[in-house]
N, C-alpha and C. Protein backbone atom coordinates (compact mmCIF):
# COMPACT_ATOMS: atom_id res chain seq x y z
N MET A 1 -17.96 31.58 -1.28
CA MET A 1 -17.46 32.91 -1.09
C MET A 1 -18.27 33.90 -1.94
N ALA A 2 -18.56 33.49 -3.18
CA ALA A 2 -19.34 34.38 -4.05
C ALA A 2 -20.74 34.59 -3.49
N ALA A 3 -21.31 33.57 -2.87
CA ALA A 3 -22.64 33.72 -2.26
C ALA A 3 -22.61 34.69 -1.10
N LEU A 4 -21.50 34.74 -0.36
CA LEU A 4 -21.38 35.69 0.75
C LEU A 4 -21.37 37.12 0.25
N LEU A 5 -20.77 37.34 -0.92
CA LEU A 5 -20.74 38.70 -1.46
C LEU A 5 -22.15 39.23 -1.73
N LEU A 6 -23.07 38.33 -2.07
CA LEU A 6 -24.45 38.77 -2.33
C LEU A 6 -25.11 39.32 -1.07
N TRP A 7 -24.66 38.93 0.11
CA TRP A 7 -25.26 39.36 1.38
C TRP A 7 -24.52 40.54 2.03
N MET A 8 -23.43 40.99 1.38
CA MET A 8 -22.68 42.11 1.95
C MET A 8 -23.51 43.38 1.90
N PRO A 9 -23.25 44.29 2.84
CA PRO A 9 -24.05 45.53 2.88
C PRO A 9 -23.58 46.59 1.88
N ILE A 10 -23.41 46.18 0.63
CA ILE A 10 -23.10 47.14 -0.43
C ILE A 10 -24.44 47.61 -0.99
N ARG A 11 -24.57 48.93 -1.16
CA ARG A 11 -25.87 49.50 -1.51
C ARG A 11 -26.40 49.04 -2.86
N HIS A 12 -25.54 48.98 -3.85
CA HIS A 12 -26.04 48.69 -5.18
C HIS A 12 -26.02 47.18 -5.44
N VAL A 13 -27.16 46.66 -5.81
CA VAL A 13 -27.30 45.24 -6.10
C VAL A 13 -26.43 44.85 -7.30
N ILE A 14 -26.30 45.72 -8.25
CA ILE A 14 -25.51 45.43 -9.45
C ILE A 14 -24.04 45.21 -9.07
N ILE A 15 -23.51 46.00 -8.15
CA ILE A 15 -22.12 45.85 -7.73
C ILE A 15 -21.94 44.52 -7.00
N ARG A 16 -22.88 44.20 -6.10
CA ARG A 16 -22.79 42.91 -5.38
C ARG A 16 -22.85 41.73 -6.35
N ALA A 17 -23.77 41.76 -7.28
CA ALA A 17 -23.94 40.66 -8.23
C ALA A 17 -22.71 40.57 -9.15
N SER A 18 -22.15 41.69 -9.55
CA SER A 18 -20.96 41.68 -10.40
C SER A 18 -19.76 41.07 -9.67
N LEU A 19 -19.57 41.47 -8.40
CA LEU A 19 -18.47 40.91 -7.62
C LEU A 19 -18.64 39.40 -7.42
N ALA A 20 -19.84 38.95 -7.11
CA ALA A 20 -20.11 37.53 -6.90
C ALA A 20 -19.87 36.74 -8.20
N THR A 21 -20.31 37.28 -9.33
CA THR A 21 -20.12 36.62 -10.61
C THR A 21 -18.63 36.54 -10.97
N ALA A 22 -17.91 37.63 -10.74
CA ALA A 22 -16.47 37.65 -11.05
C ALA A 22 -15.73 36.62 -10.20
N LEU A 23 -16.08 36.52 -8.92
CA LEU A 23 -15.42 35.55 -8.04
C LEU A 23 -15.74 34.12 -8.46
N ALA A 24 -16.99 33.86 -8.83
CA ALA A 24 -17.38 32.52 -9.28
C ALA A 24 -16.65 32.14 -10.57
N LEU A 25 -16.56 33.07 -11.52
CA LEU A 25 -15.85 32.80 -12.77
C LEU A 25 -14.36 32.57 -12.54
N ALA A 26 -13.77 33.33 -11.63
CA ALA A 26 -12.34 33.14 -11.31
C ALA A 26 -12.10 31.75 -10.73
N GLY A 27 -13.01 31.29 -9.89
CA GLY A 27 -12.88 29.95 -9.32
C GLY A 27 -12.98 28.87 -10.38
N MET A 28 -13.92 29.02 -11.30
CA MET A 28 -14.07 28.02 -12.37
C MET A 28 -12.85 28.02 -13.30
N ASN A 29 -12.34 29.20 -13.62
CA ASN A 29 -11.17 29.28 -14.50
C ASN A 29 -9.94 28.68 -13.82
N THR A 30 -9.80 28.89 -12.53
CA THR A 30 -8.68 28.32 -11.79
C THR A 30 -8.77 26.79 -11.79
N ALA A 31 -9.96 26.26 -11.53
CA ALA A 31 -10.14 24.80 -11.52
C ALA A 31 -9.87 24.21 -12.90
N GLN A 32 -10.33 24.86 -13.93
CA GLN A 32 -10.11 24.37 -15.30
C GLN A 32 -8.62 24.40 -15.64
N GLY A 33 -7.92 25.44 -15.22
CA GLY A 33 -6.49 25.55 -15.47
C GLY A 33 -5.69 24.46 -14.77
N MET A 34 -6.18 24.01 -13.63
CA MET A 34 -5.47 22.97 -12.89
C MET A 34 -5.56 21.61 -13.57
N VAL A 35 -6.65 21.33 -14.26
CA VAL A 35 -6.87 19.98 -14.80
C VAL A 35 -6.81 19.90 -16.32
N GLU A 36 -6.54 20.98 -17.03
CA GLU A 36 -6.62 20.95 -18.48
C GLU A 36 -5.59 20.04 -19.14
N ASN A 37 -4.48 19.75 -18.48
CA ASN A 37 -3.44 18.89 -19.06
C ASN A 37 -3.52 17.45 -18.60
N TRP A 38 -4.54 17.07 -17.88
CA TRP A 38 -4.64 15.71 -17.36
C TRP A 38 -4.93 14.69 -18.44
N GLY A 39 -5.57 15.05 -19.50
CA GLY A 39 -5.89 14.09 -20.55
C GLY A 39 -7.13 13.28 -20.20
N PRO A 40 -7.50 12.34 -21.07
CA PRO A 40 -8.74 11.60 -20.88
C PRO A 40 -8.66 10.44 -19.89
N HIS A 41 -7.46 10.13 -19.38
CA HIS A 41 -7.31 8.99 -18.49
C HIS A 41 -6.93 9.45 -17.09
N ASP A 42 -7.07 8.55 -16.14
CA ASP A 42 -6.65 8.85 -14.79
C ASP A 42 -5.16 9.17 -14.79
N PRO A 43 -4.73 10.06 -13.93
CA PRO A 43 -3.30 10.38 -13.87
C PRO A 43 -2.53 9.31 -13.11
N VAL A 44 -2.66 8.06 -13.55
CA VAL A 44 -2.01 6.93 -12.89
C VAL A 44 -1.31 6.10 -13.97
N LEU A 45 -0.07 5.75 -13.73
CA LEU A 45 0.65 4.90 -14.67
C LEU A 45 0.49 3.45 -14.28
N SER A 46 0.38 2.59 -15.24
CA SER A 46 0.37 1.16 -14.97
C SER A 46 1.11 0.48 -16.12
N GLY A 47 1.57 -0.71 -15.85
CA GLY A 47 2.31 -1.44 -16.86
C GLY A 47 3.77 -1.04 -16.93
N HIS A 48 4.26 -0.28 -15.96
CA HIS A 48 5.64 0.18 -15.98
C HIS A 48 6.47 -0.41 -14.85
N ALA A 49 5.96 -1.42 -14.18
CA ALA A 49 6.72 -2.04 -13.09
C ALA A 49 7.86 -2.85 -13.66
N PRO A 50 9.06 -2.76 -13.06
CA PRO A 50 10.15 -3.60 -13.54
C PRO A 50 9.82 -5.07 -13.30
N MET A 51 10.02 -5.90 -14.32
CA MET A 51 9.66 -7.31 -14.25
C MET A 51 10.91 -8.18 -14.20
N GLN A 52 10.75 -9.34 -13.59
CA GLN A 52 11.81 -10.35 -13.58
C GLN A 52 11.20 -11.63 -14.14
N CYS A 53 11.92 -12.26 -15.04
CA CYS A 53 11.39 -13.44 -15.73
C CYS A 53 12.26 -14.66 -15.45
N SER A 54 11.66 -15.84 -15.65
CA SER A 54 12.36 -17.09 -15.40
C SER A 54 11.93 -18.13 -16.43
N GLY A 55 12.91 -18.93 -16.88
CA GLY A 55 12.61 -20.08 -17.73
C GLY A 55 12.36 -19.75 -19.17
N LYS A 56 12.06 -20.82 -19.90
CA LYS A 56 11.73 -20.73 -21.33
C LYS A 56 10.56 -21.67 -21.59
N ALA A 57 9.77 -21.32 -22.55
CA ALA A 57 8.66 -22.14 -23.03
C ALA A 57 7.81 -22.73 -21.91
N PRO A 58 7.10 -21.99 -21.18
CA PRO A 58 6.87 -20.56 -21.25
C PRO A 58 7.80 -19.77 -20.32
N VAL A 59 7.97 -18.52 -20.65
CA VAL A 59 8.68 -17.58 -19.79
C VAL A 59 7.67 -17.10 -18.75
N VAL A 60 8.04 -17.15 -17.48
CA VAL A 60 7.15 -16.70 -16.41
C VAL A 60 7.70 -15.39 -15.87
N CYS A 61 6.88 -14.33 -15.88
CA CYS A 61 7.34 -13.00 -15.46
C CYS A 61 6.47 -12.46 -14.32
N MET A 62 7.15 -11.88 -13.33
CA MET A 62 6.49 -11.26 -12.19
C MET A 62 7.17 -9.93 -11.90
N PRO A 63 6.46 -8.99 -11.25
CA PRO A 63 7.12 -7.75 -10.85
C PRO A 63 8.27 -8.05 -9.89
N LYS A 64 9.33 -7.25 -9.97
CA LYS A 64 10.50 -7.49 -9.11
C LYS A 64 10.15 -7.44 -7.63
N LEU A 65 9.12 -6.69 -7.28
CA LEU A 65 8.72 -6.60 -5.87
C LEU A 65 8.26 -7.94 -5.31
N SER A 66 7.72 -8.79 -6.14
CA SER A 66 7.24 -10.10 -5.67
C SER A 66 8.04 -11.25 -6.29
N ALA A 67 9.19 -10.95 -6.88
CA ALA A 67 9.96 -11.96 -7.61
C ALA A 67 10.61 -12.99 -6.69
N ASP A 68 10.60 -12.78 -5.38
CA ASP A 68 11.13 -13.81 -4.49
C ASP A 68 10.29 -15.08 -4.54
N HIS A 69 9.06 -14.98 -5.01
CA HIS A 69 8.18 -16.14 -5.18
C HIS A 69 8.38 -16.82 -6.53
N LEU A 70 9.18 -16.23 -7.40
CA LEU A 70 9.30 -16.71 -8.78
C LEU A 70 9.74 -18.17 -8.92
N PRO A 71 10.72 -18.67 -8.16
CA PRO A 71 11.08 -20.09 -8.31
C PRO A 71 9.92 -21.04 -7.98
N MET A 72 9.17 -20.73 -6.92
CA MET A 72 8.03 -21.57 -6.55
C MET A 72 6.94 -21.49 -7.62
N VAL A 73 6.67 -20.28 -8.10
CA VAL A 73 5.64 -20.10 -9.13
C VAL A 73 6.06 -20.83 -10.40
N ARG A 74 7.33 -20.76 -10.75
CA ARG A 74 7.83 -21.45 -11.95
C ARG A 74 7.59 -22.96 -11.86
N LYS A 75 7.86 -23.55 -10.69
CA LYS A 75 7.63 -25.00 -10.50
C LYS A 75 6.15 -25.33 -10.64
N GLN A 76 5.30 -24.47 -10.07
CA GLN A 76 3.86 -24.73 -10.15
C GLN A 76 3.35 -24.60 -11.58
N VAL A 77 3.88 -23.65 -12.33
CA VAL A 77 3.49 -23.49 -13.74
C VAL A 77 3.85 -24.74 -14.52
N ASP A 78 5.08 -25.22 -14.32
CA ASP A 78 5.50 -26.45 -15.02
C ASP A 78 4.62 -27.63 -14.65
N SER A 79 4.26 -27.73 -13.35
CA SER A 79 3.41 -28.83 -12.90
C SER A 79 2.02 -28.76 -13.53
N VAL A 80 1.44 -27.58 -13.55
CA VAL A 80 0.09 -27.43 -14.12
C VAL A 80 0.10 -27.72 -15.61
N LEU A 81 1.10 -27.21 -16.33
CA LEU A 81 1.15 -27.45 -17.78
C LEU A 81 1.38 -28.93 -18.09
N SER A 82 2.18 -29.62 -17.27
CA SER A 82 2.38 -31.06 -17.52
C SER A 82 1.10 -31.84 -17.23
N LYS A 83 0.33 -31.41 -16.23
CA LYS A 83 -0.96 -32.06 -15.96
C LYS A 83 -1.94 -31.81 -17.10
N PHE A 84 -1.92 -30.60 -17.66
CA PHE A 84 -2.76 -30.31 -18.83
C PHE A 84 -2.41 -31.25 -19.98
N ARG A 85 -1.12 -31.39 -20.26
CA ARG A 85 -0.69 -32.24 -21.37
C ARG A 85 -1.08 -33.70 -21.12
N ALA A 86 -0.93 -34.17 -19.87
CA ALA A 86 -1.30 -35.55 -19.53
C ALA A 86 -2.80 -35.79 -19.72
N ALA A 87 -3.59 -34.74 -19.52
CA ALA A 87 -5.03 -34.85 -19.69
C ALA A 87 -5.47 -34.64 -21.14
N GLY A 88 -4.50 -34.36 -22.03
CA GLY A 88 -4.84 -34.18 -23.43
C GLY A 88 -5.14 -32.76 -23.84
N VAL A 89 -4.90 -31.79 -22.95
CA VAL A 89 -5.15 -30.39 -23.27
C VAL A 89 -3.88 -29.78 -23.84
N GLU A 90 -3.98 -29.26 -25.05
CA GLU A 90 -2.82 -28.63 -25.69
C GLU A 90 -2.73 -27.18 -25.24
N ALA A 91 -1.98 -26.94 -24.20
CA ALA A 91 -1.78 -25.59 -23.69
C ALA A 91 -0.29 -25.28 -23.77
N SER A 92 0.07 -24.37 -24.66
CA SER A 92 1.49 -24.05 -24.82
C SER A 92 1.69 -22.55 -24.99
N PRO A 93 1.48 -21.78 -23.92
CA PRO A 93 1.73 -20.34 -24.02
C PRO A 93 3.23 -20.07 -24.12
N ARG A 94 3.57 -18.98 -24.80
CA ARG A 94 4.99 -18.58 -24.85
C ARG A 94 5.39 -17.85 -23.58
N SER A 95 4.44 -17.15 -22.96
CA SER A 95 4.75 -16.45 -21.71
C SER A 95 3.53 -16.43 -20.80
N ILE A 96 3.83 -16.40 -19.51
CA ILE A 96 2.80 -16.25 -18.48
C ILE A 96 3.24 -15.05 -17.65
N THR A 97 2.41 -14.01 -17.64
CA THR A 97 2.76 -12.74 -17.00
C THR A 97 1.82 -12.45 -15.85
N ASP A 98 2.36 -11.87 -14.79
CA ASP A 98 1.55 -11.50 -13.63
C ASP A 98 0.66 -10.31 -13.99
N SER A 99 -0.63 -10.46 -13.78
CA SER A 99 -1.57 -9.40 -14.11
C SER A 99 -1.49 -8.23 -13.14
N LEU A 100 -0.74 -8.37 -12.05
CA LEU A 100 -0.56 -7.25 -11.11
C LEU A 100 0.06 -6.05 -11.81
N ALA A 101 0.90 -6.29 -12.78
CA ALA A 101 1.57 -5.20 -13.51
C ALA A 101 0.61 -4.40 -14.38
N ASP A 102 -0.59 -4.92 -14.64
CA ASP A 102 -1.55 -4.22 -15.49
C ASP A 102 -2.30 -3.11 -14.74
N GLY A 103 -2.16 -3.08 -13.42
CA GLY A 103 -2.86 -2.06 -12.64
C GLY A 103 -4.36 -2.28 -12.68
N ARG A 104 -5.09 -1.18 -12.81
CA ARG A 104 -6.56 -1.27 -12.81
C ARG A 104 -7.12 -1.66 -14.17
N ARG A 105 -6.30 -1.57 -15.19
CA ARG A 105 -6.77 -1.94 -16.53
C ARG A 105 -6.87 -3.45 -16.65
N TYR A 106 -7.88 -3.92 -17.33
CA TYR A 106 -8.01 -5.35 -17.60
C TYR A 106 -7.41 -5.63 -18.96
N VAL A 107 -6.41 -6.50 -18.99
CA VAL A 107 -5.79 -6.89 -20.25
C VAL A 107 -6.08 -8.37 -20.46
N ARG A 108 -6.66 -8.71 -21.59
CA ARG A 108 -7.02 -10.10 -21.87
C ARG A 108 -5.80 -10.96 -22.14
N SER A 109 -5.93 -12.21 -21.72
CA SER A 109 -4.93 -13.20 -22.10
C SER A 109 -5.12 -13.55 -23.57
N THR A 110 -4.05 -14.02 -24.18
CA THR A 110 -4.11 -14.50 -25.56
C THR A 110 -3.63 -15.95 -25.54
N PRO A 111 -3.78 -16.69 -26.63
CA PRO A 111 -3.27 -18.07 -26.63
C PRO A 111 -1.76 -18.15 -26.38
N SER A 112 -1.02 -17.11 -26.75
CA SER A 112 0.43 -17.16 -26.55
C SER A 112 0.90 -16.46 -25.28
N THR A 113 0.09 -15.58 -24.72
CA THR A 113 0.45 -14.87 -23.48
C THR A 113 -0.69 -14.96 -22.49
N TRP A 114 -0.46 -15.63 -21.39
CA TRP A 114 -1.47 -15.74 -20.34
C TRP A 114 -1.17 -14.69 -19.29
N ARG A 115 -2.23 -14.00 -18.83
CA ARG A 115 -2.11 -13.00 -17.77
C ARG A 115 -2.85 -13.56 -16.56
N VAL A 116 -2.09 -13.85 -15.50
CA VAL A 116 -2.63 -14.52 -14.32
C VAL A 116 -2.19 -13.75 -13.07
N SER A 117 -2.98 -13.82 -12.03
CA SER A 117 -2.63 -13.17 -10.75
C SER A 117 -1.59 -14.02 -10.02
N LEU A 118 -0.38 -14.01 -10.49
CA LEU A 118 0.68 -14.85 -9.90
C LEU A 118 1.05 -14.40 -8.51
N THR A 119 1.20 -13.10 -8.29
CA THR A 119 1.59 -12.60 -6.96
C THR A 119 0.54 -12.93 -5.92
N ARG A 120 -0.71 -12.66 -6.27
CA ARG A 120 -1.80 -12.93 -5.33
C ARG A 120 -1.87 -14.42 -4.98
N GLY A 121 -1.70 -15.27 -5.97
CA GLY A 121 -1.71 -16.71 -5.73
C GLY A 121 -0.51 -17.17 -4.92
N ALA A 122 0.66 -16.60 -5.18
CA ALA A 122 1.87 -17.01 -4.46
C ALA A 122 1.82 -16.59 -3.00
N GLU A 123 1.18 -15.50 -2.70
CA GLU A 123 1.09 -15.04 -1.31
C GLU A 123 0.15 -15.90 -0.49
N ARG A 124 -0.75 -16.62 -1.14
CA ARG A 124 -1.67 -17.49 -0.41
C ARG A 124 -1.01 -18.82 -0.21
């Protein structure tokens, strides 16, 4: 729009240039005003999905949206951990959490909390 003002049939070049500059500055100020409160991160929340958990040692947690798979996932977790123990691998996490709840952020597993794609695996 500001570029169009430069081509208008106004006699004085200074008036045309002033109007174009004012319009361009107004556009930049409007855009800055729209985004100044966004902060340094994407305006997306993650890690706030309601979770449902099952069992003890380890506790297995999945988002409530996919919690209908939780009994099957719980059995598979117990099976895998017992196979680990039979093979001599000491794996004893306190909790196993579905990484779907982390959103786009990557959160590392720790020795006590494993983050696994439980929902994605259960759907297959």
